[in-house]
């Protein structure tokens, strides 16, 4: 399957037909060109294009897009949404 560059890593079909997109991030050992990227306080790199994808997907109905840092945060997000 071919996907666009910087498209979120995962797409999950939730209850009631909602979609959840997750961009899964991890820390990097260096900050190359960090001035052109959005960084968390932990040095996690999120490109402007990834932030744009998140913004555009969140404009659509029944779709939520999140950037999660490490798999545990993604699991907690899914559990929280499924409990609603």
Protein backbone atom coordinates (compact mmCIF):
# COMPACT_ATOMS: atom_id res chain seq x y z
CA UNK A 1 0.00 0.00 0.00
CA UNK A 2 1.28 3.47 -0.82
CA UNK A 3 0.82 6.26 1.69
CA UNK A 4 1.71 9.93 1.60
CA UNK A 5 4.87 11.01 3.32
CA UNK A 6 4.35 12.02 6.97
CA UNK A 7 0.89 10.39 7.11
CA UNK A 8 0.14 9.03 10.64
CA UNK A 9 1.57 5.62 11.49
CA UNK A 10 -1.64 3.88 12.56
CA UNK A 11 -5.34 4.00 11.72
CA UNK A 12 -7.70 2.29 14.17
CA UNK A 13 -11.42 1.72 13.62
CA UNK A 14 -13.24 2.44 16.87
CA UNK A 15 -16.75 1.78 18.12
CA UNK A 16 -19.54 3.56 16.26
CA UNK A 17 -17.42 3.80 13.09
CA UNK A 18 -15.06 6.48 14.35
CA UNK A 19 -11.46 6.52 13.16
CA UNK A 20 -8.39 7.20 15.27
CA UNK A 21 -5.10 8.06 13.60
CA UNK A 22 -1.94 7.83 15.70
CA UNK A 23 1.49 9.20 14.93
CA UNK A 24 3.78 7.28 17.27
CA UNK A 25 6.92 9.12 18.35
CA UNK A 26 10.03 8.13 20.24
CA UNK A 27 13.03 10.12 21.39
CA UNK A 28 16.05 10.59 19.17
CA UNK A 29 19.65 10.70 20.28
CA UNK A 30 20.30 13.89 18.33
CA UNK A 31 18.46 17.02 17.20
CA UNK A 32 19.40 17.54 13.58
CA UNK A 33 17.95 20.77 12.18
CA UNK A 34 15.79 21.07 15.27
CA UNK A 35 15.01 24.68 14.45
CA UNK A 36 12.76 23.46 11.62
CA UNK A 37 10.87 20.93 13.71
CA UNK A 38 8.49 21.04 16.64
CA UNK A 39 10.19 19.49 19.67
CA UNK A 40 8.78 18.43 22.98
CA UNK A 41 10.75 19.07 26.13
CA UNK A 42 12.02 15.48 25.84
CA UNK A 43 13.65 16.14 22.46
CA UNK A 44 11.00 14.26 20.48
CA UNK A 45 10.87 15.40 16.88
CA UNK A 46 7.56 16.12 15.13
CA UNK A 47 7.85 17.54 11.64
CA UNK A 48 5.70 20.48 10.52
CA UNK A 49 4.16 18.17 7.91
CA UNK A 50 3.08 15.70 10.61
CA UNK A 51 1.49 18.53 12.55
CA UNK A 52 -0.31 19.63 9.37
CA UNK A 53 -1.68 16.11 8.82
CA UNK A 54 -2.92 16.07 12.42
CA UNK A 55 -4.63 19.43 12.02
CA UNK A 56 -6.32 18.50 8.73
CA UNK A 57 -7.52 15.08 9.92
CA UNK A 58 -8.97 16.59 13.11
CA UNK A 59 -11.14 18.89 10.97
CA UNK A 60 -13.06 15.86 9.64
CA UNK A 61 -16.10 14.46 11.44
CA UNK A 62 -15.77 11.11 13.24
CA UNK A 63 -11.97 11.28 12.93
CA UNK A 64 -9.44 11.99 15.63
CA UNK A 65 -5.69 12.27 15.10
CA UNK A 66 -3.19 12.30 17.96
CA UNK A 67 0.54 12.27 18.35
CA UNK A 68 1.50 9.79 21.06
CA UNK A 69 4.86 9.48 22.73
CA UNK A 70 5.66 5.80 23.27
CA UNK A 71 3.22 2.91 22.95
CA UNK A 72 1.83 3.17 26.48
CA UNK A 73 0.40 6.61 25.76
CA UNK A 74 -1.27 5.25 22.60
CA UNK A 75 -2.80 2.33 24.52
CA UNK A 76 -4.11 4.68 27.23
CA UNK A 77 -5.62 6.97 24.56
CA UNK A 78 -7.42 4.06 22.86
CA UNK A 79 -8.76 2.79 26.20
CA UNK A 80 -9.99 6.27 27.17
CA UNK A 81 -11.79 6.76 23.84
CA UNK A 82 -13.37 3.29 23.91
CA UNK A 83 -14.77 3.93 27.40
CA UNK A 84 -16.79 6.94 26.20
